Structure formats: C-alpha cells, structure tokens
N, C-alpha and C. Protein backbone atom coordinates (compact mmCIF):
# COMPACT_ATOMS: atom_id res chain seq x y z
N MET A 1 1.16 -1.12 -0.06
CA MET A 1 0.21 -0.39 0.00
C MET A 1 1.20 1.35 0.16
N ASN A 2 1.02 1.75 -1.08
CA ASN A 2 1.85 3.13 -1.41
C ASN A 2 1.20 4.51 -0.24
N TRP A 3 1.66 5.29 0.34
CA TRP A 3 1.34 6.39 1.28
C TRP A 3 1.88 7.66 0.13
N TYR A 4 1.33 8.68 0.85
CA TYR A 4 2.04 10.14 0.11
C TYR A 4 1.86 10.78 1.23
N TYR A 5 2.74 11.87 1.72
CA TYR A 5 2.29 12.78 2.67
C TYR A 5 3.33 13.97 2.41
N ALA A 6 2.82 15.05 2.83
CA ALA A 6 2.67 16.53 2.59
C ALA A 6 4.14 16.75 3.45
N GLU A 7 4.84 17.79 3.04
CA GLU A 7 6.16 18.27 3.10
C GLU A 7 5.85 19.60 2.73
N GLY A 8 6.00 20.29 3.09
CA GLY A 8 5.80 22.03 2.68
C GLY A 8 4.68 21.67 1.76
N ASN A 9 5.19 22.38 0.64
CA ASN A 9 4.12 22.86 -0.19
C ASN A 9 3.87 21.46 -1.42
N GLN A 10 4.77 20.49 -0.70
CA GLN A 10 5.14 19.64 -1.89
C GLN A 10 4.54 18.06 -1.59
N GLN A 11 3.96 17.10 -2.19
CA GLN A 11 3.47 16.08 -2.29
C GLN A 11 4.63 14.89 -2.11
N LYS A 12 4.64 14.07 -1.41
CA LYS A 12 6.34 13.17 -1.81
C LYS A 12 5.51 11.96 -1.41
N GLY A 13 6.76 10.63 -1.94
CA GLY A 13 5.97 9.48 -1.87
C GLY A 13 6.03 8.73 -3.48
N PRO A 14 5.32 7.88 -3.32
CA PRO A 14 5.00 7.28 -2.44
C PRO A 14 6.34 6.60 -1.66
N VAL A 15 5.61 5.87 -0.44
CA VAL A 15 6.03 5.19 0.49
C VAL A 15 5.52 3.76 1.02
N SER A 16 5.82 2.90 1.67
CA SER A 16 5.12 2.12 2.17
C SER A 16 4.71 2.55 3.40
N GLU A 17 4.09 1.78 4.04
CA GLU A 17 3.53 2.07 5.16
C GLU A 17 4.43 2.04 6.17
N ALA A 18 5.13 0.49 6.18
CA ALA A 18 6.39 0.47 7.43
C ALA A 18 7.46 2.23 7.16
N GLU A 19 7.41 2.13 5.53
CA GLU A 19 8.51 3.83 5.72
C GLU A 19 7.50 4.65 6.45
N LEU A 20 6.26 5.31 6.14
CA LEU A 20 5.51 6.01 6.80
C LEU A 20 5.84 6.08 7.70
N ASP A 21 5.59 4.95 8.78
CA ASP A 21 5.74 4.99 10.41
C ASP A 21 6.97 5.16 10.38
N GLN A 22 8.58 4.89 9.72
CA GLN A 22 9.13 5.24 10.03
C GLN A 22 9.76 6.84 9.79
N LEU A 23 9.32 7.05 9.19
CA LEU A 23 9.39 9.10 9.04
C LEU A 23 8.90 9.14 10.31
N PHE A 24 7.81 8.27 10.85
CA PHE A 24 7.55 9.58 11.85
C PHE A 24 8.03 9.62 13.13
N GLN A 25 8.25 8.23 13.85
CA GLN A 25 9.04 7.69 14.52
C GLN A 25 10.42 8.29 14.68
N ARG A 26 11.50 8.83 13.67
CA ARG A 26 12.61 9.58 13.48
C ARG A 26 12.11 10.88 13.39
N GLY A 27 11.26 11.00 13.41
CA GLY A 27 10.49 12.84 13.68
C GLY A 27 10.72 13.40 12.10
N GLN A 28 10.72 12.88 11.33
CA GLN A 28 10.40 13.71 10.19
C GLN A 28 9.16 13.87 9.50
N LEU A 29 8.41 12.99 10.21
CA LEU A 29 6.93 13.39 10.20
C LEU A 29 6.53 13.89 11.59
N LEU A 30 5.55 14.61 11.50
CA LEU A 30 4.80 15.14 12.64
C LEU A 30 3.22 14.58 13.22
N GLY A 31 3.09 14.38 14.24
CA GLY A 31 1.27 14.00 13.93
C GLY A 31 0.31 14.68 13.20
N SER A 32 0.62 16.32 12.75
CA SER A 32 -0.40 17.05 12.12
C SER A 32 0.40 16.81 10.95
N THR A 33 0.80 15.77 9.95
CA THR A 33 1.85 16.06 9.26
C THR A 33 0.78 15.28 7.85
N LEU A 34 -0.01 15.59 7.39
CA LEU A 34 -1.30 15.45 6.38
C LEU A 34 -0.22 14.35 5.38
N ILE A 35 -1.50 12.81 5.42
CA ILE A 35 -1.03 11.88 4.89
C ILE A 35 -2.42 11.25 3.86
N TRP A 36 -1.96 10.78 2.83
CA TRP A 36 -3.19 9.96 1.78
C TRP A 36 -2.58 8.93 1.23
N LYS A 37 -4.03 7.90 0.41
CA LYS A 37 -3.11 7.10 0.01
C LYS A 37 -4.58 6.61 -0.25
N GLU A 38 -4.48 5.97 -1.08
CA GLU A 38 -5.96 5.55 -2.55
C GLU A 38 -6.65 4.74 -2.04
N GLY A 39 -8.06 5.85 -1.86
CA GLY A 39 -9.23 5.20 -1.41
C GLY A 39 -9.57 6.07 -0.23
N MET A 40 -8.82 7.02 -0.13
CA MET A 40 -9.24 8.08 0.94
C MET A 40 -9.79 9.30 -0.12
N ALA A 41 -11.19 9.88 1.02
CA ALA A 41 -11.50 11.28 0.74
C ALA A 41 -10.40 11.95 0.05
N ASN A 42 -10.09 12.24 1.75
CA ASN A 42 -9.53 13.82 1.80
C ASN A 42 -7.90 13.10 3.04
N TRP A 43 -6.75 14.07 2.17
CA TRP A 43 -5.77 14.34 3.02
C TRP A 43 -6.12 14.45 4.41
N GLU A 44 -5.23 13.49 5.25
CA GLU A 44 -5.63 13.53 6.86
C GLU A 44 -4.61 13.80 7.97
N ALA A 45 -4.32 14.20 8.92
CA ALA A 45 -3.19 14.14 9.66
C ALA A 45 -2.84 12.72 10.33
N TYR A 46 -1.57 12.78 9.76
CA TYR A 46 -0.56 11.34 10.61
C TYR A 46 -1.69 10.95 11.77
N SER A 47 -1.51 11.70 12.67
CA SER A 47 -2.02 11.22 13.95
C SER A 47 -3.40 10.41 14.01
N SER A 48 -4.50 11.19 13.05
CA SER A 48 -6.07 10.77 13.19
C SER A 48 -5.77 9.08 12.73
N VAL A 49 -5.05 9.18 11.20
CA VAL A 49 -5.02 8.33 10.68
C VAL A 49 -4.21 7.21 11.08
N ARG A 50 -2.94 7.11 11.58
CA ARG A 50 -1.84 6.62 11.92
C ARG A 50 -1.69 6.46 13.49
N GLY A 51 -2.50 7.10 14.38
CA GLY A 51 -2.61 7.21 15.67
C GLY A 51 -2.04 5.90 16.34
N ALA A 52 -2.85 4.92 16.19
CA ALA A 52 -2.72 3.90 17.64
C ALA A 52 -1.55 3.20 16.72
N ASN A 53 -0.73 3.11 15.54
CA ASN A 53 0.30 2.27 15.40
C ASN A 53 1.83 3.19 15.49
N ALA A 54 1.42 4.17 15.44
CA ALA A 54 2.34 5.53 15.76
C ALA A 54 2.56 5.62 17.50
N ALA A 55 1.62 5.46 18.27
CA ALA A 55 1.88 5.27 19.77
C ALA A 55 2.41 3.77 19.89
N ALA A 56 2.22 2.80 19.34
CA ALA A 56 2.43 1.77 19.81
C ALA A 56 4.09 1.21 19.13
N GLY A 57 4.38 2.21 18.23
CA GLY A 57 5.72 1.76 17.44
C GLY A 57 6.45 3.21 18.34
N ALA A 58 5.95 4.05 19.02
CA ALA A 58 6.88 5.19 19.51
C ALA A 58 8.25 4.34 20.58
N GLY A 59 7.64 3.51 20.99
CA GLY A 59 8.48 2.74 22.05
C GLY A 59 9.89 1.73 21.25
N LEU A 60 9.73 1.45 20.04
CA LEU A 60 11.06 0.26 19.50
C LEU A 60 11.82 0.94 19.75
N ALA A 61 12.80 0.00 19.43
CA ALA A 61 14.15 0.52 19.23
C ALA A 61 14.68 0.63 17.97
N GLU A 62 15.69 1.71 17.62
CA GLU A 62 15.47 1.39 16.00
C GLU A 62 16.07 0.27 15.44
N GLY A 63 15.10 -0.43 14.45
CA GLY A 63 16.18 -1.51 13.91
C GLY A 63 15.37 -2.45 14.22
N SER A 64 14.36 -2.64 14.84
CA SER A 64 13.44 -3.84 15.90
C SER A 64 12.31 -4.08 14.52
N VAL A 65 12.19 -5.40 14.33
CA VAL A 65 10.90 -5.57 13.16
C VAL A 65 9.72 -5.80 13.41
N VAL A 66 8.52 -4.94 13.12
CA VAL A 66 7.47 -5.35 13.47
C VAL A 66 6.80 -6.04 12.73
C-alpha cells in the first residue's frame, strides 16, 4: 500500500506503510503531517489515521522488526 505525505507545499511519496511509520518515529513526520493513500476521500493528519500504530511504535528500538 502506497502512502503520500505533505512536506511544505510539496507532495512526497509514494512510500510503504512501514516507511511512513519509520519517518514518524525518526521525527521526520509530525502528528499533524497530512497523509493520503488511494481510497481516502481527503488528506488527513498522520495522528488521526495512523495514531494507534504511531503510539505502539513510538517505544520500539531503532532497527526493530514489527
């Protein structure tokens, strides 16, 4: 599944779901960063779409496999 995210005034991606979560864990995406994938009506904040996954992954050590 390919995700896109907004950085400044530009659309970035596609990235995989795992890559998207890694960007968040490294601080390259914020909870307020807008993300979108095919099938979504509108761009939404990362925290509203991936919030549960972000919270679960926040305590993982770098390099951990989920």
